[in-house]
Protein backbone atom coordinates (compact mmCIF):
# COMPACT_ATOMS: atom_id res chain seq x y z
CA UNK A 1 -4.55 11.92 -12.64
CA UNK A 2 -5.12 12.51 -8.96
CA UNK A 3 -7.20 10.32 -6.67
CA UNK A 4 -9.64 13.21 -6.14
CA UNK A 5 -10.62 13.03 -9.82
CA UNK A 6 -10.71 9.23 -10.09
CA UNK A 7 -13.15 8.68 -7.20
CA UNK A 8 -15.97 10.93 -8.54
CA UNK A 9 -15.68 9.45 -12.04
CA UNK A 10 -15.82 5.93 -10.57
CA UNK A 11 -18.93 6.79 -8.56
CA UNK A 12 -20.63 8.26 -11.64
CA UNK A 13 -19.78 5.13 -13.65
CA UNK A 14 -21.12 2.84 -10.94
CA UNK A 15 -24.32 4.88 -10.70
CA UNK A 16 -25.07 3.87 -14.29
CA UNK A 17 -25.20 0.24 -13.14
CA UNK A 18 -28.02 0.85 -10.67
CA UNK A 19 -31.46 -0.23 -11.84
CA UNK A 20 -33.81 -3.14 -12.08
CA UNK A 21 -32.18 -6.51 -12.75
CA UNK A 22 -32.65 -8.06 -16.15
CA UNK A 23 -35.33 -10.72 -16.31
CA UNK A 24 -36.09 -13.52 -18.74
CA UNK A 25 -39.50 -13.82 -20.35
CA UNK A 26 -39.05 -17.58 -20.20
CA UNK A 27 -36.92 -19.91 -18.13
CA UNK A 28 -33.41 -20.58 -19.41
CA UNK A 29 -32.92 -23.78 -21.38
CA UNK A 30 -32.84 -26.37 -18.61
CA UNK A 31 -33.86 -29.94 -19.17
CA UNK A 32 -33.14 -32.38 -16.38
CA UNK A 33 -30.64 -29.91 -14.90
CA UNK A 34 -28.41 -29.95 -17.97
CA UNK A 35 -27.88 -26.25 -18.65
CA UNK A 36 -24.13 -26.91 -18.98
CA UNK A 37 -24.67 -28.82 -22.19
CA UNK A 38 -26.32 -25.90 -24.00
CA UNK A 39 -23.09 -23.89 -24.20
CA UNK A 40 -20.50 -26.51 -25.15
CA UNK A 41 -19.63 -28.77 -28.05
CA UNK A 42 -21.05 -32.24 -27.63
CA UNK A 43 -19.82 -35.46 -29.25
CA UNK A 44 -21.44 -36.54 -32.52
CA UNK A 45 -23.25 -33.21 -32.90
CA UNK A 46 -22.19 -33.03 -36.54
CA UNK A 47 -21.09 -36.59 -37.24
CA UNK A 48 -17.90 -38.51 -36.50
CA UNK A 49 -15.50 -37.73 -33.66
CA UNK A 50 -11.70 -37.78 -33.67
CA UNK A 51 -9.99 -38.66 -30.40
CA UNK A 52 -6.34 -38.12 -29.52
CA UNK A 53 -4.62 -39.46 -26.40
CA UNK A 54 -1.28 -40.64 -25.08
CA UNK A 55 -1.02 -44.37 -24.45
CA UNK A 56 2.10 -45.68 -22.76
CA UNK A 57 3.92 -42.49 -23.80
CA UNK A 58 2.90 -42.69 -27.47
CA UNK A 59 0.41 -40.39 -29.18
CA UNK A 60 -2.56 -42.36 -30.47
CA UNK A 61 -5.60 -41.29 -32.49
CA UNK A 62 -9.01 -42.89 -32.84
CA UNK A 63 -11.97 -42.23 -35.11
CA UNK A 64 -15.50 -43.03 -33.97
CA UNK A 65 -18.55 -42.49 -36.15
CA UNK A 66 -22.27 -43.13 -35.84
CA UNK A 67 -23.34 -46.32 -37.61
CA UNK A 68 -26.32 -48.66 -37.99
CA UNK A 69 -28.69 -45.76 -38.59
CA UNK A 70 -27.37 -43.88 -35.56
CA UNK A 71 -28.12 -46.69 -33.11
CA UNK A 72 -24.46 -47.62 -32.59
CA UNK A 73 -20.98 -46.17 -32.98
CA UNK A 74 -18.18 -47.72 -34.99
CA UNK A 75 -14.42 -47.65 -34.61
CA UNK A 76 -12.47 -50.84 -35.33
CA UNK A 77 -15.75 -52.63 -34.66
CA UNK A 78 -19.34 -51.86 -33.69
CA UNK A 79 -19.62 -50.37 -30.22
CA UNK A 80 -22.22 -48.80 -27.98
CA UNK A 81 -22.86 -45.23 -26.91
CA UNK A 82 -24.50 -44.29 -23.61
CA UNK A 83 -24.94 -41.10 -21.65
CA UNK A 84 -24.12 -40.80 -17.97
CA UNK A 85 -24.04 -37.52 -16.02
CA UNK A 86 -21.33 -35.43 -17.64
CA UNK A 87 -20.08 -38.01 -20.17
CA UNK A 88 -20.86 -39.82 -23.40
CA UNK A 89 -19.49 -43.33 -22.90
CA UNK A 90 -18.24 -45.32 -25.89
CA UNK A 91 -17.67 -49.00 -25.24
CA UNK A 92 -16.48 -51.87 -27.46
CA UNK A 93 -15.63 -49.69 -30.50
CA UNK A 94 -11.96 -50.52 -29.87
CA UNK A 95 -10.72 -53.60 -27.99
CA UNK A 96 -10.22 -53.12 -24.23
CA UNK A 97 -10.94 -49.38 -24.42
CA UNK A 98 -13.74 -47.28 -22.97
CA UNK A 99 -13.95 -43.60 -23.92
CA UNK A 100 -15.59 -41.04 -21.63
CA UNK A 101 -16.18 -37.89 -23.69
CA UNK A 102 -17.26 -34.78 -21.82
CA UNK A 103 -18.76 -31.67 -23.41
CA UNK A 104 -16.19 -29.17 -24.57
CA UNK A 105 -13.61 -31.57 -26.05
CA UNK A 106 -11.94 -33.44 -23.22
CA UNK A 107 -12.44 -36.72 -21.42
CA UNK A 108 -10.87 -39.92 -20.17
CA UNK A 109 -9.79 -43.15 -21.86
CA UNK A 110 -9.85 -46.30 -19.73
CA UNK A 111 -7.68 -49.20 -20.79
CA UNK A 112 -8.39 -51.97 -18.31
CA UNK A 113 -7.75 -50.52 -14.85
CA UNK A 114 -5.56 -47.67 -16.18
CA UNK A 115 -6.85 -44.33 -17.42
CA UNK A 116 -5.46 -41.36 -19.31
CA UNK A 117 -6.81 -38.03 -20.48
CA UNK A 118 -7.99 -37.47 -24.03
CA UNK A 119 -9.07 -34.68 -26.34
CA UNK A 120 -11.83 -35.03 -28.90
CA UNK A 121 -13.29 -32.96 -31.71
CA UNK A 122 -16.05 -33.36 -34.27
CA UNK A 123 -14.32 -34.68 -37.35
CA UNK A 124 -16.87 -33.20 -39.76
CA UNK A 125 -16.54 -35.17 -42.96
CA UNK A 126 -15.34 -38.70 -42.47
CA UNK A 127 -12.73 -39.21 -43.67
CA UNK A 128 -11.72 -35.56 -44.07
CA UNK A 129 -11.37 -34.41 -47.64
CA UNK A 130 -8.01 -33.02 -48.69
CA UNK A 131 -7.97 -29.63 -50.41
CA UNK A 132 -6.84 -29.75 -54.02
């Protein structure tokens, strides 16, 4: 197809894009500037969370679930859950470990002064049922 034919078709196609911009009847979902959270998975949205990370070169998994009527989180022991900008922070659920879970399934694990990346996902049923 020659350039003489492509240019007019392109102009006709672009002309279809001209018009009034779309508007919202209401403001988008923004609460305290946290629009980013509305479009991503968040920890504990549907129950327990599974975490996988590499520690000292070895693959390690953790399970953290809400406990004490949703006021705490539990792993090896009872821990705390707090929210800071961009992260859910889990402390004391496992000895010497602090988990920073960000929306979307990634985050950071701090072990003392060291840190490593992690991946997390809602575990659904805890523990998961095996198909028969």
